Amino acid sequence: MSWLMILGLAAIVFFNRYYFLEPSVKVKLPILMNKMLNYSAPCLLTAICIP
């Protein structure tokens, strides 16, 4: 059961990274999603640096 879960999670992570980071795959996100993602980097850096 544990090996099956580990392999399943690895497959999900690999698929997500390949799908969104591969330049040949054209991902069309809605405009609202693009606007929200513009704030993700400053929020992430703040969450890492402040504590």
N, C-alpha and C. Protein backbone atom coordinates (compact mmCIF):
# COMPACT_ATOMS: atom_id res chain seq x y z
N MET A 1 0.82 -1.19 0.00
CA MET A 1 0.00 0.00 0.00
C MET A 1 0.86 1.26 0.00
N SER A 2 1.93 1.26 0.80
CA SER A 2 2.78 2.44 0.88
C SER A 2 3.51 2.69 -0.44
N TRP A 3 4.02 1.62 -1.06
CA TRP A 3 4.72 1.79 -2.34
C TRP A 3 3.77 2.28 -3.41
N LEU A 4 2.56 1.79 -3.40
CA LEU A 4 1.57 2.22 -4.39
C LEU A 4 1.25 3.71 -4.21
N MET A 5 1.13 4.15 -2.97
CA MET A 5 0.85 5.55 -2.71
C MET A 5 2.03 6.43 -3.11
N ILE A 6 3.24 5.99 -2.81
CA ILE A 6 4.44 6.77 -3.17
C ILE A 6 4.55 6.89 -4.69
N LEU A 7 4.36 5.81 -5.40
CA LEU A 7 4.44 5.85 -6.87
C LEU A 7 3.31 6.68 -7.46
N GLY A 8 2.13 6.58 -6.88
CA GLY A 8 1.00 7.39 -7.37
C GLY A 8 1.24 8.87 -7.18
N LEU A 9 1.74 9.27 -6.02
CA LEU A 9 2.04 10.68 -5.77
C LEU A 9 3.19 11.17 -6.65
N ALA A 10 4.18 10.32 -6.88
CA ALA A 10 5.27 10.69 -7.78
C ALA A 10 4.76 10.92 -9.20
N ALA A 11 3.84 10.08 -9.65
CA ALA A 11 3.26 10.24 -10.98
C ALA A 11 2.46 11.54 -11.07
N ILE A 12 1.72 11.86 -10.03
CA ILE A 12 0.93 13.10 -10.04
C ILE A 12 1.85 14.32 -10.08
N VAL A 13 2.91 14.31 -9.27
CA VAL A 13 3.85 15.44 -9.26
C VAL A 13 4.55 15.56 -10.61
N PHE A 14 4.98 14.44 -11.18
CA PHE A 14 5.66 14.50 -12.48
C PHE A 14 4.73 15.04 -13.56
N PHE A 15 3.47 14.58 -13.57
CA PHE A 15 2.51 15.05 -14.57
C PHE A 15 2.27 16.54 -14.44
N ASN A 16 2.08 17.02 -13.20
CA ASN A 16 1.83 18.45 -13.00
C ASN A 16 3.01 19.30 -13.44
N ARG A 17 4.20 18.86 -13.09
CA ARG A 17 5.38 19.64 -13.48
C ARG A 17 5.60 19.59 -15.00
N TYR A 18 5.42 18.45 -15.60
CA TYR A 18 5.60 18.35 -17.05
C TYR A 18 4.56 19.18 -17.78
N TYR A 19 3.32 19.10 -17.34
CA TYR A 19 2.22 19.77 -18.05
C TYR A 19 2.37 21.28 -18.00
N PHE A 20 2.77 21.84 -16.88
CA PHE A 20 2.83 23.29 -16.76
C PHE A 20 4.19 23.87 -17.13
N LEU A 21 5.26 23.08 -17.12
CA LEU A 21 6.59 23.63 -17.38
C LEU A 21 7.14 23.30 -18.76
N GLU A 22 6.53 22.38 -19.46
CA GLU A 22 7.01 22.01 -20.80
C GLU A 22 6.61 23.10 -21.79
N PRO A 23 7.59 23.69 -22.50
CA PRO A 23 7.26 24.78 -23.43
C PRO A 23 6.40 24.35 -24.62
N SER A 24 6.50 23.10 -25.02
CA SER A 24 5.73 22.68 -26.19
C SER A 24 4.25 22.48 -25.88
N VAL A 25 3.89 22.35 -24.61
CA VAL A 25 2.49 22.20 -24.22
C VAL A 25 1.93 23.59 -23.96
N LYS A 26 0.98 24.00 -24.77
CA LYS A 26 0.39 25.33 -24.63
C LYS A 26 -0.77 25.26 -23.66
N VAL A 27 -0.59 25.88 -22.49
CA VAL A 27 -1.63 25.91 -21.48
C VAL A 27 -2.29 27.28 -21.52
N LYS A 28 -3.58 27.31 -21.71
CA LYS A 28 -4.33 28.56 -21.79
C LYS A 28 -5.12 28.71 -20.50
N LEU A 29 -4.65 29.61 -19.62
CA LEU A 29 -5.33 29.86 -18.36
C LEU A 29 -6.26 31.06 -18.50
N PRO A 30 -7.33 31.09 -17.74
CA PRO A 30 -8.21 32.26 -17.77
C PRO A 30 -7.48 33.52 -17.28
N ILE A 31 -7.98 34.68 -17.66
CA ILE A 31 -7.34 35.95 -17.31
C ILE A 31 -7.30 36.13 -15.80
N LEU A 32 -8.38 35.75 -15.12
CA LEU A 32 -8.41 35.88 -13.66
C LEU A 32 -7.32 35.03 -13.01
N MET A 33 -7.10 33.83 -13.52
CA MET A 33 -6.05 32.95 -12.98
C MET A 33 -4.67 33.57 -13.19
N ASN A 34 -4.44 34.16 -14.37
CA ASN A 34 -3.15 34.81 -14.62
C ASN A 34 -2.92 35.97 -13.67
N LYS A 35 -3.97 36.76 -13.39
CA LYS A 35 -3.83 37.87 -12.46
C LYS A 35 -3.52 37.37 -11.06
N MET A 36 -4.17 36.29 -10.64
CA MET A 36 -3.91 35.74 -9.31
C MET A 36 -2.50 35.19 -9.21
N LEU A 37 -1.99 34.57 -10.27
CA LEU A 37 -0.64 34.00 -10.25
C LEU A 37 0.44 35.07 -10.22
N ASN A 38 0.12 36.30 -10.64
CA ASN A 38 1.10 37.38 -10.56
C ASN A 38 1.48 37.69 -9.12
N TYR A 39 0.61 37.41 -8.17
CA TYR A 39 0.87 37.70 -6.76
C TYR A 39 1.49 36.52 -6.03
N SER A 40 1.63 35.38 -6.68
CA SER A 40 2.11 34.20 -5.96
C SER A 40 3.58 34.31 -5.56
N ALA A 41 4.43 34.87 -6.41
CA ALA A 41 5.85 34.98 -6.07
C ALA A 41 6.09 35.90 -4.89
N PRO A 42 5.52 37.13 -4.86
CA PRO A 42 5.74 37.97 -3.68
C PRO A 42 5.17 37.35 -2.40
N CYS A 43 4.04 36.68 -2.50
CA CYS A 43 3.46 36.04 -1.32
C CYS A 43 4.35 34.90 -0.83
N LEU A 44 4.89 34.13 -1.74
CA LEU A 44 5.76 33.03 -1.36
C LEU A 44 7.05 33.53 -0.74
N LEU A 45 7.65 34.56 -1.32
CA LEU A 45 8.87 35.11 -0.75
C LEU A 45 8.63 35.71 0.63
N THR A 46 7.49 36.37 0.81
CA THR A 46 7.16 36.92 2.11
C THR A 46 6.99 35.80 3.13
N ALA A 47 6.32 34.73 2.75
CA ALA A 47 6.10 33.63 3.67
C ALA A 47 7.41 32.93 4.04
N ILE A 48 8.39 32.94 3.15
CA ILE A 48 9.67 32.30 3.44
C ILE A 48 10.56 33.23 4.28
N CYS A 49 10.58 34.51 3.98
CA CYS A 49 11.54 35.42 4.62
C CYS A 49 11.09 35.94 5.98
N ILE A 50 9.82 36.14 6.19
CA ILE A 50 9.34 36.77 7.43
C ILE A 50 9.61 35.91 8.67
N PRO A 51 9.31 34.62 8.69
CA PRO A 51 9.53 33.86 9.94
C PRO A 51 11.00 33.80 10.27
